[in-house]
Amino acid sequence: MVMWCGLWRRPLAWGYHQVGAASVRQALTISLAFMMMLTLSAGSLVATQSIAAKELIFEAVSALCTVGLSMGATSHLDEVGKLIIIATMFCGRVGPLAIFSLVCAQSDEGQRAEYPAEDLPLA
């Protein structure tokens, strides 16, 4: 079965392999979650702080990617800005997809946990 991607109108291939539809959906979901989190973080920093937007966006990207780089704007943030950076660092460490899954998860009350099934070798 050939997967057709709506954006490219041809099968999505990498080297001599075709990329499955589930992998493409997962990659797009993770990318979209990351961009939404970055937009929310950078936008709230720009809206609440009186520092240049370029420096605040750099700080937000650095916090979400948990790389530890800074242009020196972190020391000039007020308490609200520091809380935004802290929340962004936490979300970057845990992962935007895990945060969204936690927020959007449905209640599993009444469902029993199942053990994974595995065939045993007969030798």
PDB file of N, CA and C in Angstrom:
ATOM      1  N   MET A   1       0.842  -1.178   0.000  1.00  0.00           N
ATOM      2  CA  MET A   1       0.000   0.000   0.000  1.00  0.00           C
ATOM      3  C   MET A   1       0.884   1.237   0.000  1.00  0.00           C
ATOM      4  N   VAL A   2       0.622   2.148  -0.870  1.00  0.00           N
ATOM      5  CA  VAL A   2       1.393   3.375  -0.988  1.00  0.00           C
ATOM      6  C   VAL A   2       0.673   4.472  -0.230  1.00  0.00           C
ATOM      7  N   MET A   3       1.395   5.157   0.640  1.00  0.00           N
ATOM      8  CA  MET A   3       0.809   6.254   1.390  1.00  0.00           C
ATOM      9  C   MET A   3       0.969   7.546   0.602  1.00  0.00           C
ATOM     10  N   TRP A   4      -0.122   8.252   0.409  1.00  0.00           N
ATOM     11  CA  TRP A   4      -0.073   9.522  -0.295  1.00  0.00           C
ATOM     12  C   TRP A   4      -0.161  10.638   0.716  1.00  0.00           C
ATOM     13  N   CYS A   5       0.769  11.526   0.673  1.00  0.00           N
ATOM     14  CA  CYS A   5       0.792  12.665   1.567  1.00  0.00           C
ATOM     15  C   CYS A   5       0.056  13.812   0.887  1.00  0.00           C
ATOM     16  N   GLY A   6      -0.861  14.451   1.591  1.00  0.00           N
ATOM     17  CA  GLY A   6      -1.655  15.510   0.996  1.00  0.00           C
ATOM     18  C   GLY A   6      -0.826  16.715   0.573  1.00  0.00           C
ATOM     19  N   LEU A   7       0.252  16.992   1.296  1.00  0.00           N
ATOM     20  CA  LEU A   7       1.051  18.163   0.967  1.00  0.00           C
ATOM     21  C   LEU A   7       1.922  17.947  -0.270  1.00  0.00           C
ATOM     22  N   TRP A   8       2.434  16.744  -0.430  1.00  0.00           N
ATOM     23  CA  TRP A   8       3.392  16.501  -1.519  1.00  0.00           C
ATOM     24  C   TRP A   8       2.757  15.820  -2.726  1.00  0.00           C
ATOM     25  N   ARG A   9       1.634  15.171  -2.564  1.00  0.00           N
ATOM     26  CA  ARG A   9       0.932  14.454  -3.634  1.00  0.00           C
ATOM     27  C   ARG A   9       1.780  13.361  -4.269  1.00  0.00           C
ATOM     28  N   ARG A  10       2.659  12.797  -3.492  1.00  0.00           N
ATOM     29  CA  ARG A  10       3.451  11.652  -3.938  1.00  0.00           C
ATOM     30  C   ARG A  10       3.810  10.843  -2.692  1.00  0.00           C
ATOM     31  N   PRO A  11       4.176   9.592  -2.846  1.00  0.00           N
ATOM     32  CA  PRO A  11       4.513   8.791  -1.656  1.00  0.00           C
ATOM     33  C   PRO A  11       5.698   9.394  -0.905  1.00  0.00           C
ATOM     34  N   LEU A  12       5.613   9.380   0.422  1.00  0.00           N
ATOM     35  CA  LEU A  12       6.679   9.895   1.250  1.00  0.00           C
ATOM     36  C   LEU A  12       7.746   8.809   1.393  1.00  0.00           C
ATOM     37  N   ALA A  13       8.935   9.080   0.894  1.00  0.00           N
ATOM     38  CA  ALA A  13      10.013   8.085   0.921  1.00  0.00           C
ATOM     39  C   ALA A  13      11.274   8.718   1.480  1.00  0.00           C
ATOM     40  N   TRP A  14      12.079   7.876   2.119  1.00  0.00           N
ATOM     41  CA  TRP A  14      13.368   8.306   2.654  1.00  0.00           C
ATOM     42  C   TRP A  14      14.380   7.264   2.203  1.00  0.00           C
ATOM     43  N   GLY A  15      15.284   7.662   1.347  1.00  0.00           N
ATOM     44  CA  GLY A  15      16.230   6.703   0.794  1.00  0.00           C
ATOM     45  C   GLY A  15      15.487   5.681  -0.040  1.00  0.00           C
ATOM     46  N   TYR A  16      15.646   4.425   0.284  1.00  0.00           N
ATOM     47  CA  TYR A  16      14.952   3.354  -0.417  1.00  0.00           C
ATOM     48  C   TYR A  16      13.795   2.796   0.406  1.00  0.00           C
ATOM     49  N   HIS A  17      13.296   3.574   1.360  1.00  0.00           N
ATOM     50  CA  HIS A  17      12.213   3.125   2.227  1.00  0.00           C
ATOM     51  C   HIS A  17      11.066   4.115   2.178  1.00  0.00           C
ATOM     52  N   GLN A  18       9.862   3.606   2.308  1.00  0.00           N
ATOM     53  CA  GLN A  18       8.710   4.473   2.446  1.00  0.00           C
ATOM     54  C   GLN A  18       8.431   4.670   3.930  1.00  0.00           C
ATOM     55  N   VAL A  19       8.051   5.866   4.279  1.00  0.00           N
ATOM     56  CA  VAL A  19       7.757   6.194   5.669  1.00  0.00           C
ATOM     57  C   VAL A  19       6.275   5.949   5.907  1.00  0.00           C
ATOM     58  N   GLY A  20       5.967   5.220   6.965  1.00  0.00           N
ATOM     59  CA  GLY A  20       4.582   4.857   7.263  1.00  0.00           C
ATOM     60  C   GLY A  20       3.745   6.051   7.696  1.00  0.00           C
ATOM     61  N   ALA A  21       2.456   5.939   7.504  1.00  0.00           N
ATOM     62  CA  ALA A  21       1.531   7.020   7.842  1.00  0.00           C
ATOM     63  C   ALA A  21       1.543   7.311   9.339  1.00  0.00           C
ATOM     64  N   ALA A  22       1.681   6.286  10.162  1.00  0.00           N
ATOM     65  CA  ALA A  22       1.707   6.496  11.616  1.00  0.00           C
ATOM     66  C   ALA A  22       2.943   7.299  12.030  1.00  0.00           C
ATOM     67  N   SER A  23       4.078   7.022  11.420  1.00  0.00           N
ATOM     68  CA  SER A  23       5.299   7.769  11.732  1.00  0.00           C
ATOM     69  C   SER A  23       5.181   9.225  11.314  1.00  0.00           C
ATOM     70  N   VAL A  24       4.566   9.454  10.168  1.00  0.00           N
ATOM     71  CA  VAL A  24       4.380  10.833   9.704  1.00  0.00           C
ATOM     72  C   VAL A  24       3.447  11.578  10.646  1.00  0.00           C
ATOM     73  N   ARG A  25       2.356  10.931  11.066  1.00  0.00           N
ATOM     74  CA  ARG A  25       1.420  11.573  12.000  1.00  0.00           C
ATOM     75  C   ARG A  25       2.098  11.869  13.333  1.00  0.00           C
ATOM     76  N   GLN A  26       2.914  10.948  13.826  1.00  0.00           N
ATOM     77  CA  GLN A  26       3.606  11.179  15.094  1.00  0.00           C
ATOM     78  C   GLN A  26       4.580  12.347  14.982  1.00  0.00           C
ATOM     79  N   ALA A  27       5.332  12.403  13.902  1.00  0.00           N
ATOM     80  CA  ALA A  27       6.284  13.494  13.717  1.00  0.00           C
ATOM     81  C   ALA A  27       5.574  14.836  13.597  1.00  0.00           C
ATOM     82  N   LEU A  28       4.478  14.869  12.862  1.00  0.00           N
ATOM     83  CA  LEU A  28       3.728  16.116  12.727  1.00  0.00           C
ATOM     84  C   LEU A  28       3.095  16.533  14.048  1.00  0.00           C
ATOM     85  N   THR A  29       2.619  15.571  14.824  1.00  0.00           N
ATOM     86  CA  THR A  29       2.016  15.883  16.114  1.00  0.00           C
ATOM     87  C   THR A  29       3.041  16.443  17.080  1.00  0.00           C
ATOM     88  N   ILE A  30       4.208  15.838  17.141  1.00  0.00           N
ATOM     89  CA  ILE A  30       5.263  16.328  18.027  1.00  0.00           C
ATOM     90  C   ILE A  30       5.726  17.711  17.591  1.00  0.00           C
ATOM     91  N   SER A  31       5.882  17.921  16.292  1.00  0.00           N
ATOM     92  CA  SER A  31       6.302  19.230  15.790  1.00  0.00           C
ATOM     93  C   SER A  31       5.262  20.298  16.085  1.00  0.00           C
ATOM     94  N   LEU A  32       4.000  19.973  15.887  1.00  0.00           N
ATOM     95  CA  LEU A  32       2.932  20.926  16.154  1.00  0.00           C
ATOM     96  C   LEU A  32       2.848  21.249  17.646  1.00  0.00           C
ATOM     97  N   ALA A  33       2.975  20.244  18.510  1.00  0.00           N
ATOM     98  CA  ALA A  33       2.947  20.474  19.956  1.00  0.00           C
ATOM     99  C   ALA A  33       4.109  21.357  20.383  1.00  0.00           C
ATOM    100  N   PHE A  34       5.290  21.111  19.821  1.00  0.00           N
ATOM    101  CA  PHE A  34       6.456  21.929  20.141  1.00  0.00           C
ATOM    102  C   PHE A  34       6.238  23.377  19.708  1.00  0.00           C
ATOM    103  N   MET A  35       5.735  23.569  18.496  1.00  0.00           N
ATOM    104  CA  MET A  35       5.526  24.932  17.995  1.00  0.00           C
ATOM    105  C   MET A  35       4.436  25.658  18.787  1.00  0.00           C
ATOM    106  N   MET A  36       3.391  24.941  19.190  1.00  0.00           N
ATOM    107  CA  MET A  36       2.347  25.568  20.006  1.00  0.00           C
ATOM    108  C   MET A  36       2.898  25.996  21.360  1.00  0.00           C
ATOM    109  N   MET A  37       3.688  25.143  21.981  1.00  0.00           N
ATOM    110  CA  MET A  37       4.277  25.471  23.268  1.00  0.00           C
ATOM    111  C   MET A  37       5.241  26.644  23.147  1.00  0.00           C
ATOM    112  N   LEU A  38       6.025  26.664  22.084  1.00  0.00           N
ATOM    113  CA  LEU A  38       6.969  27.757  21.862  1.00  0.00           C
ATOM    114  C   LEU A  38       6.234  29.066  21.612  1.00  0.00           C
ATOM    115  N   THR A  39       5.186  29.034  20.815  1.00  0.00           N
ATOM    116  CA  THR A  39       4.406  30.239  20.542  1.00  0.00           C
ATOM    117  C   THR A  39       3.756  30.766  21.812  1.00  0.00           C
ATOM    118  N   LEU A  40       3.204  29.882  22.614  1.00  0.00           N
ATOM    119  CA  LEU A  40       2.583  30.285  23.869  1.00  0.00           C
ATOM    120  C   LEU A  40       3.610  30.905  24.818  1.00  0.00           C
ATOM    121  N   SER A  41       4.757  30.269  24.947  1.00  0.00           N
ATOM    122  CA  SER A  41       5.786  30.751  25.858  1.00  0.00           C
ATOM    123  C   SER A  41       6.379  32.081  25.389  1.00  0.00           C
ATOM    124  N   ALA A  42       6.785  32.137  24.132  1.00  0.00           N
ATOM    125  CA  ALA A  42       7.397  33.366  23.622  1.00  0.00           C
ATOM    126  C   ALA A  42       6.384  34.511  23.595  1.00  0.00           C
ATOM    127  N   GLY A  43       5.164  34.213  23.212  1.00  0.00           N
ATOM    128  CA  GLY A  43       4.136  35.255  23.187  1.00  0.00           C
ATOM    129  C   GLY A  43       3.833  35.814  24.562  1.00  0.00           C
ATOM    130  N   SER A  44       3.760  34.950  25.561  1.00  0.00           N
ATOM    131  CA  SER A  44       3.501  35.442  26.911  1.00  0.00           C
ATOM    132  C   SER A  44       4.694  36.216  27.464  1.00  0.00           C
ATOM    133  N   LEU A  45       5.901  35.829  27.099  1.00  0.00           N
ATOM    134  CA  LEU A  45       7.069  36.603  27.522  1.00  0.00           C
ATOM    135  C   LEU A  45       7.085  37.988  26.880  1.00  0.00           C
ATOM    136  N   VAL A  46       6.808  38.040  25.585  1.00  0.00           N
ATOM    137  CA  VAL A  46       6.811  39.329  24.885  1.00  0.00           C
ATOM    138  C   VAL A  46       5.696  40.224  25.428  1.00  0.00           C
ATOM    139  N   ALA A  47       4.555  39.627  25.788  1.00  0.00           N
ATOM    140  CA  ALA A  47       3.430  40.417  26.276  1.00  0.00           C
ATOM    141  C   ALA A  47       3.660  40.956  27.690  1.00  0.00           C
ATOM    142  N   THR A  48       4.445  40.259  28.505  1.00  0.00           N
ATOM    143  CA  THR A  48       4.577  40.665  29.907  1.00  0.00           C
ATOM    144  C   THR A  48       5.898  41.337  30.249  1.00  0.00           C
ATOM    145  N   GLN A  49       6.875  41.288  29.371  1.00  0.00           N
ATOM    146  CA  GLN A  49       8.202  41.829  29.693  1.00  0.00           C
ATOM    147  C   GLN A  49       8.521  43.040  28.816  1.00  0.00           C
ATOM    148  N   SER A  50       9.377  43.898  29.331  1.00  0.00           N
ATOM    149  CA  SER A  50       9.790  45.085  28.569  1.00  0.00           C
ATOM    150  C   SER A  50      11.225  44.923  28.064  1.00  0.00           C
ATOM    151  N   ILE A  51      11.507  43.755  27.509  1.00  0.00           N
ATOM    152  CA  ILE A  51      12.829  43.430  26.953  1.00  0.00           C
ATOM    153  C   ILE A  51      12.628  43.198  25.462  1.00  0.00           C
ATOM    154  N   ALA A  52      13.687  43.339  24.685  1.00  0.00           N
ATOM    155  CA  ALA A  52      13.599  43.157  23.232  1.00  0.00           C
ATOM    156  C   ALA A  52      13.045  41.771  22.903  1.00  0.00           C
ATOM    157  N   ALA A  53      12.161  41.728  21.910  1.00  0.00           N
ATOM    158  CA  ALA A  53      11.493  40.477  21.540  1.00  0.00           C
ATOM    159  C   ALA A  53      12.493  39.422  21.081  1.00  0.00           C
ATOM    160  N   LYS A  54      13.551  39.838  20.395  1.00  0.00           N
ATOM    161  CA  LYS A  54      14.551  38.886  19.910  1.00  0.00           C
ATOM    162  C   LYS A  54      15.179  38.124  21.072  1.00  0.00           C
ATOM    163  N   GLU A  55      15.504  38.828  22.140  1.00  0.00           N
ATOM    164  CA  GLU A  55      16.118  38.176  23.298  1.00  0.00           C
ATOM    165  C   GLU A  55      15.122  37.269  24.020  1.00  0.00           C
ATOM    166  N   LEU A  56      13.867  37.689  24.102  1.00  0.00           N
ATOM    167  CA  LEU A  56      12.858  36.866  24.778  1.00  0.00           C
ATOM    168  C   LEU A  56      12.556  35.597  23.994  1.00  0.00           C
ATOM    169  N   ILE A  57      12.498  35.697  22.680  1.00  0.00           N
ATOM    170  CA  ILE A  57      12.266  34.504  21.863  1.00  0.00           C
ATOM    171  C   ILE A  57      13.440  33.544  21.987  1.00  0.00           C
ATOM    172  N   PHE A  58      14.655  34.070  22.021  1.00  0.00           N
ATOM    173  CA  PHE A  58      15.832  33.221  22.220  1.00  0.00           C
ATOM    174  C   PHE A  58      15.757  32.501  23.562  1.00  0.00           C
ATOM    175  N   GLU A  59      15.357  33.232  24.605  1.00  0.00           N
ATOM    176  CA  GLU A  59      15.237  32.626  25.932  1.00  0.00           C
ATOM    177  C   GLU A  59      14.163  31.539  25.945  1.00  0.00           C
ATOM    178  N   ALA A  60      13.050  31.775  25.248  1.00  0.00           N
ATOM    179  CA  ALA A  60      11.973  30.780  25.214  1.00  0.00           C
ATOM    180  C   ALA A  60      12.418  29.522  24.472  1.00  0.00           C
ATOM    181  N   VAL A  61      13.098  29.683  23.348  1.00  0.00           N
ATOM    182  CA  VAL A  61      13.593  28.524  22.596  1.00  0.00           C
ATOM    183  C   VAL A  61      14.624  27.764  23.426  1.00  0.00           C
ATOM    184  N   SER A  62      15.506  28.489  24.089  1.00  0.00           N
ATOM    185  CA  SER A  62      16.522  27.854  24.915  1.00  0.00           C
ATOM    186  C   SER A  62      15.895  27.094  26.085  1.00  0.00           C
ATOM    187  N   ALA A  63      14.860  27.661  26.681  1.00  0.00           N
ATOM    188  CA  ALA A  63      14.193  26.997  27.801  1.00  0.00           C
ATOM    189  C   ALA A  63      13.432  25.761  27.337  1.00  0.00           C
ATOM    190  N   LEU A  64      12.722  25.865  26.220  1.00  0.00           N
ATOM    191  CA  LEU A  64      11.940  24.724  25.744  1.00  0.00           C
ATOM    192  C   LEU A  64      12.832  23.585  25.271  1.00  0.00           C
ATOM    193  N   CYS A  65      13.961  23.922  24.681  1.00  0.00           N
ATOM    194  CA  CYS A  65      14.894  22.886  24.221  1.00  0.00           C
ATOM    195  C   CYS A  65      15.838  22.444  25.323  1.00  0.00           C
ATOM    196  N   THR A  66      15.781  23.057  26.483  1.00  0.00           N
ATOM    197  CA  THR A  66      16.608  22.772  27.661  1.00  0.00           C
ATOM    198  C   THR A  66      18.091  22.703  27.317  1.00  0.00           C
ATOM    199  N   VAL A  67      18.585  23.744  26.643  1.00  0.00           N
ATOM    200  CA  VAL A  67      19.999  23.771  26.268  1.00  0.00           C
ATOM    201  C   VAL A  67      20.829  24.635  27.208  1.00  0.00           C
ATOM    202  N   GLY A  68      20.209  25.539  27.964  1.00  0.00           N
ATOM    203  CA  GLY A  68      20.932  26.331  28.943  1.00  0.00           C
ATOM    204  C   GLY A  68      21.612  27.567  28.398  1.00  0.00           C
ATOM    205  N   LEU A  69      21.337  27.947  27.169  1.00  0.00           N
ATOM    206  CA  LEU A  69      21.937  29.161  26.616  1.00  0.00           C
ATOM    207  C   LEU A  69      21.114  30.379  27.005  1.00  0.00           C
ATOM    208  N   SER A  70      21.764  31.543  27.061  1.00  0.00           N
ATOM    209  CA  SER A  70      21.067  32.762  27.416  1.00  0.00           C
ATOM    210  C   SER A  70      21.759  33.949  26.773  1.00  0.00           C
ATOM    211  N   MET A  71      20.984  34.976  26.474  1.00  0.00           N
ATOM    212  CA  MET A  71      21.543  36.229  25.970  1.00  0.00           C
ATOM    213  C   MET A  71      21.622  37.262  27.089  1.00  0.00           C
ATOM    214  N   GLY A  72      21.418  36.828  28.318  1.00  0.00           N
ATOM    215  CA  GLY A  72      21.484  37.716  29.468  1.00  0.00           C
ATOM    216  C   GLY A  72      20.150  38.319  29.860  1.00  0.00           C
ATOM    217  N   ALA A  73      19.095  37.975  29.175  1.00  0.00           N
ATOM    218  CA  ALA A  73      17.787  38.543  29.480  1.00  0.00           C
ATOM    219  C   ALA A  73      17.135  37.884  30.691  1.00  0.00           C
ATOM    220  N   THR A  74      17.582  36.704  31.059  1.00  0.00           N
ATOM    221  CA  THR A  74      16.958  35.985  32.168  1.00  0.00           C
ATOM    222  C   THR A  74      17.102  36.749  33.475  1.00  0.00           C
ATOM    223  N   SER A  75      18.220  37.388  33.689  1.00  0.00           N
ATOM    224  CA  SER A  75      18.423  38.131  34.933  1.00  0.00           C
ATOM    225  C   SER A  75      17.582  39.402  34.993  1.00  0.00           C
ATOM    226  N   HIS A  76      17.064  39.854  33.868  1.00  0.00           N
ATOM    227  CA  HIS A  76      16.246  41.070  33.831  1.00  0.00           C
ATOM    228  C   HIS A  76      14.751  40.777  33.849  1.00  0.00           C
ATOM    229  N   LEU A  77      14.370  39.506  33.923  1.00  0.00           N
ATOM    230  CA  LEU A  77      12.962  39.145  33.966  1.00  0.00           C
ATOM    231  C   LEU A  77      12.381  39.413  35.346  1.00  0.00           C
ATOM    232  N   ASP A  78      11.089  39.788  35.380  1.00  0.00           N
ATOM    233  CA  ASP A  78      10.429  39.907  36.668  1.00  0.00           C
ATOM    234  C   ASP A  78       9.915  38.527  37.093  1.00  0.00           C
ATOM    235  N   GLU A  79       9.133  38.493  38.178  1.00  0.00           N
ATOM    236  CA  GLU A  79       8.688  37.203  38.707  1.00  0.00           C
ATOM    237  C   GLU A  79       7.811  36.449  37.715  1.00  0.00           C
ATOM    238  N   VAL A  80       6.949  37.166  37.010  1.00  0.00           N
ATOM    239  CA  VAL A  80       6.071  36.511  36.034  1.00  0.00           C
ATOM    240  C   VAL A  80       6.904  35.900  34.908  1.00  0.00           C
ATOM    241  N   GLY A  81       7.884  36.643  34.416  1.00  0.00           N
ATOM    242  CA  GLY A  81       8.747  36.130  33.355  1.00  0.00           C
ATOM    243  C   GLY A  81       9.542  34.920  33.801  1.00  0.00           C
ATOM    244  N   LYS A  82      10.022  34.947  35.035  1.00  0.00           N
ATOM    245  CA  LYS A  82      10.766  33.794  35.551  1.00  0.00           C
ATOM    246  C   LYS A  82       9.871  32.569  35.700  1.00  0.00           C
ATOM    247  N   LEU A  83       8.624  32.777  36.114  1.00  0.00           N
ATOM    248  CA  LEU A  83       7.696  31.656  36.206  1.00  0.00           C
ATOM    249  C   LEU A  83       7.380  31.086  34.822  1.00  0.00           C
ATOM    250  N   ILE A  84       7.271  31.951  33.821  1.00  0.00           N
ATOM    251  CA  ILE A  84       7.039  31.477  32.454  1.00  0.00           C
ATOM    252  C   ILE A  84       8.229  30.651  31.975  1.00  0.00           C
ATOM    253  N   ILE A  85       9.432  31.111  32.236  1.00  0.00           N
ATOM    254  CA  ILE A  85      10.642  30.379  31.847  1.00  0.00           C
ATOM    255  C   ILE A  85      10.720  29.041  32.587  1.00  0.00           C
ATOM    256  N   ILE A  86      10.369  29.048  33.882  1.00  0.00           N
ATOM    257  CA  ILE A  86      10.387  27.800  34.652  1.00  0.00           C
ATOM    258  C   ILE A  86       9.399  26.799  34.075  1.00  0.00           C
ATOM    259  N   ALA A  87       8.179  27.254  33.779  1.00  0.00           N
ATOM    260  CA  ALA A  87       7.174  26.363  33.202  1.00  0.00           C
ATOM    261  C   ALA A  87       7.602  25.861  31.828  1.00  0.00           C
ATOM    262  N   THR A  88       8.234  26.721  31.042  1.00  0.00           N
ATOM    263  CA  THR A  88       8.711  26.321  29.717  1.00  0.00           C
ATOM    264  C   THR A  88       9.821  25.290  29.830  1.00  0.00           C
ATOM    265  N   MET A  89      10.720  25.473  30.785  1.00  0.00           N
ATOM    266  CA  MET A  89      11.789  24.489  30.987  1.00  0.00           C
ATOM    267  C   MET A  89      11.217  23.144  31.434  1.00  0.00           C
ATOM    268  N   PHE A  90      10.218  23.175  32.308  1.00  0.00           N
ATOM    269  CA  PHE A  90       9.594  21.932  32.752  1.00  0.00           C
ATOM    270  C   PHE A  90       8.923  21.226  31.580  1.00  0.00           C
ATOM    271  N   CYS A  91       8.175  21.984  30.785  1.00  0.00           N
ATOM    272  CA  CYS A  91       7.504  21.383  29.626  1.00  0.00           C
ATOM    273  C   CYS A  91       8.515  20.859  28.608  1.00  0.00           C
ATOM    274  N   GLY A  92       9.626  21.546  28.454  1.00  0.00           N
ATOM    275  CA  GLY A  92      10.658  21.082  27.547  1.00  0.00           C
ATOM    276  C   GLY A  92      11.313  19.801  28.032  1.00  0.00           C
ATOM    277  N   ARG A  93      11.456  19.681  29.337  1.00  0.00           N
ATOM    278  CA  ARG A  93      12.073  18.476  29.898  1.00  0.00           C
ATOM    279  C   ARG A  93      11.121  17.287  29.818  1.00  0.00           C
ATOM    280  N   VAL A  94       9.878  17.498  30.187  1.00  0.00           N
ATOM    281  CA  VAL A  94       8.898  16.419  30.159  1.00  0.00           C
ATOM    282  C   VAL A  94       8.487  16.119  28.726  1.00  0.00           C
ATOM    283  N   GLY A  95       8.351  17.149  27.925  1.00  0.00           N
ATOM    284  CA  GLY A  95       7.969  16.991  26.528  1.00  0.00           C
ATOM    285  C   GLY A  95       6.592  17.562  26.277  1.00  0.00           C
ATOM    286  N   PRO A  96       6.468  18.381  25.240  1.00  0.00           N
ATOM    287  CA  PRO A  96       5.160  18.976  24.944  1.00  0.00           C
ATOM    288  C   PRO A  96       4.083  17.936  24.665  1.00  0.00           C
ATOM    289  N   LEU A  97       4.438  16.844  24.015  1.00  0.00           N
ATOM    290  CA  LEU A  97       3.452  15.813  23.703  1.00  0.00           C
ATOM    291  C   LEU A  97       2.941  15.142  24.975  1.00  0.00           C
ATOM    292  N   ALA A  98       3.828  14.915  25.940  1.00  0.00           N
ATOM    293  CA  ALA A  98       3.403  14.319  27.207  1.00  0.00           C
ATOM    294  C   ALA A  98       2.501  15.275  27.978  1.00  0.00           C
ATOM    295  N   ILE A  99       2.800  16.562  27.940  1.00  0.00           N
ATOM    296  CA  ILE A  99       1.966  17.556  28.616  1.00  0.00           C
ATOM    297  C   ILE A  99       0.573  17.590  27.991  1.00  0.00           C
ATOM    298  N   PHE A 100       0.500  17.645  26.654  1.00  0.00           N
ATOM    299  CA  PHE A 100      -0.795  17.664  25.981  1.00  0.00           C
ATOM    300  C   PHE A 100      -1.551  16.364  26.201  1.00  0.00           C
ATOM    301  N   SER A 101      -0.864  15.243  26.248  1.00  0.00           N
ATOM    302  CA  SER A 101      -1.529  13.964  26.506  1.00  0.00           C
ATOM    303  C   SER A 101      -2.116  13.936  27.912  1.00  0.00           C
ATOM    304  N   LEU A 102      -1.399  14.503  28.864  1.00  0.00           N
ATOM    305  CA  LEU A 102      -1.878  14.553  30.238  1.00  0.00           C
ATOM    306  C   LEU A 102      -3.110  15.441  30.342  1.00  0.00           C
ATOM    307  N   VAL A 103      -3.087  16.579  29.668  1.00  0.00           N
ATOM    308  CA  VAL A 103      -4.206  17.510  29.731  1.00  0.00           C
ATOM    309  C   VAL A 103      -5.433  16.943  29.027  1.00  0.00           C
ATOM    310  N   CYS A 104      -5.232  16.282  27.900  1.00  0.00           N
ATOM    311  CA  CYS A 104      -6.344  15.794  27.080  1.00  0.00           C
ATOM    312  C   CYS A 104      -6.732  14.355  27.372  1.00  0.00           C
ATOM    313  N   ALA A 105      -6.119  13.716  28.343  1.00  0.00           N
ATOM    314  CA  ALA A 105      -6.387  12.301  28.617  1.00  0.00           C
ATOM    315  C   ALA A 105      -7.799  12.118  29.147  1.00  0.00           C
ATOM    316  N   GLN A 106      -8.419  11.028  28.705  1.00  0.00           N
ATOM    317  CA  GLN A 106      -9.739  10.683  29.199  1.00  0.00           C
ATOM    318  C   GLN A 106      -9.589   9.831  30.449  1.00  0.00           C
ATOM    319  N   SER A 107     -10.602   9.840  31.259  1.00  0.00           N
ATOM    320  CA  SER A 107     -10.584   9.063  32.492  1.00  0.00           C
ATOM    321  C   SER A 107     -10.646   7.574  32.168  1.00  0.00           C
ATOM    322  N   ASP A 108      -9.782   6.802  32.806  1.00  0.00           N
ATOM    323  CA  ASP A 108      -9.740   5.355  32.590  1.00  0.00           C
ATOM    324  C   ASP A 108     -10.312   4.606  33.786  1.00  0.00           C
ATOM    325  N   GLU A 109     -11.256   5.199  34.485  1.00  0.00           N
ATOM    326  CA  GLU A 109     -11.834   4.550  35.654  1.00  0.00           C
ATOM    327  C   GLU A 109     -12.588   3.293  35.230  1.00  0.00           C
ATOM    328  N   GLY A 110     -12.430   2.249  35.979  1.00  0.00           N
ATOM    329  CA  GLY A 110     -13.135   1.011  35.696  1.00  0.00           C
ATOM    330  C   GLY A 110     -12.394   0.096  34.737  1.00  0.00           C
ATOM    331  N   GLN A 111     -11.349   0.561  34.101  1.00  0.00           N
ATOM    332  CA  GLN A 111     -10.600  -0.291  33.190  1.00  0.00           C
ATOM    333  C   GLN A 111      -9.458  -0.946  33.950  1.00  0.00           C
ATOM    334  N   ARG A 112      -9.278  -2.221  33.666  1.00  0.00           N
ATOM    335  CA  ARG A 112      -8.209  -2.960  34.319  1.00  0.00           C
ATOM    336  C   ARG A 112      -6.956  -2.916  33.469  1.00  0.00           C
ATOM    337  N   ALA A 113      -5.842  -2.911  34.133  1.00  0.00           N
ATOM    338  CA  ALA A 113      -4.571  -2.960  33.421  1.00  0.00           C
ATOM    339  C   ALA A 113      -4.359  -4.356  32.848  1.00  0.00           C
ATOM    340  N   GLU A 114      -3.776  -4.406  31.683  1.00  0.00           N
ATOM    341  CA  GLU A 114      -3.489  -5.690  31.047  1.00  0.00           C
ATOM    342  C   GLU A 114      -1.983  -5.861  30.929  1.00  0.00           C
ATOM    343  N   TYR A 115      -1.553  -7.097  31.145  1.00  0.00           N
ATOM    344  CA  TYR A 115      -0.144  -7.405  30.982  1.00  0.00           C
ATOM    345  C   TYR A 115       0.163  -7.635  29.509  1.00  0.00           C
ATOM    346  N   PRO A 116       1.367  -7.332  29.079  1.00  0.00           N
ATOM    347  CA  PRO A 116       1.701  -7.586  27.674  1.00  0.00           C
ATOM    348  C   PRO A 116       1.753  -9.087  27.392  1.00  0.00           C
ATOM    349  N   ALA A 117       1.334  -9.468  26.211  1.00  0.00           N
ATOM    350  CA  ALA A 117       1.324 -10.872  25.810  1.00  0.00           C
ATOM    351  C   ALA A 117       2.598 -11.194  25.050  1.00  0.00           C
ATOM    352  N   GLU A 118       3.126 -12.370  25.282  1.00  0.00           N
ATOM    353  CA  GLU A 118       4.341 -12.780  24.599  1.00  0.00           C
ATOM    354  C   GLU A 118       4.314 -14.292  24.433  1.00  0.00           C
ATOM    355  N   ASP A 119       4.716 -14.759  23.270  1.00  0.00           N
ATOM    356  CA  ASP A 119       4.811 -16.195  23.026  1.00  0.00           C
ATOM    357  C   ASP A 119       6.093 -16.725  23.632  1.00  0.00           C
ATOM    358  N   LEU A 120       5.993 -17.853  24.304  1.00  0.00           N
ATOM    359  CA  LEU A 120       7.165 -18.456  24.921  1.00  0.00           C
ATOM    360  C   LEU A 120       7.773 -19.463  23.950  1.00  0.00           C
ATOM    361  N   PRO A 121       9.093 -19.532  23.898  1.00  0.00           N
ATOM    362  CA  PRO A 121       9.737 -20.510  23.005  1.00  0.00           C
ATOM    363  C   PRO A 121       9.533 -21.931  23.535  1.00  0.00           C
ATOM    364  N   LEU A 122       9.238 -22.829  22.643  1.00  0.00           N
ATOM    365  CA  LEU A 122       9.033 -24.240  23.005  1.00  0.00           C
ATOM    366  C   LEU A 122      10.280 -25.036  22.645  1.00  0.00           C
ATOM    367  N   ALA A 123      11.207 -25.086  23.532  1.00  0.00           N
ATOM    368  CA  ALA A 123      12.420 -25.835  23.241  1.00  0.00           C
ATOM    369  C   ALA A 123      12.842 -26.693  24.392  1.00  0.00           C
TER     370      ALA A 123
END
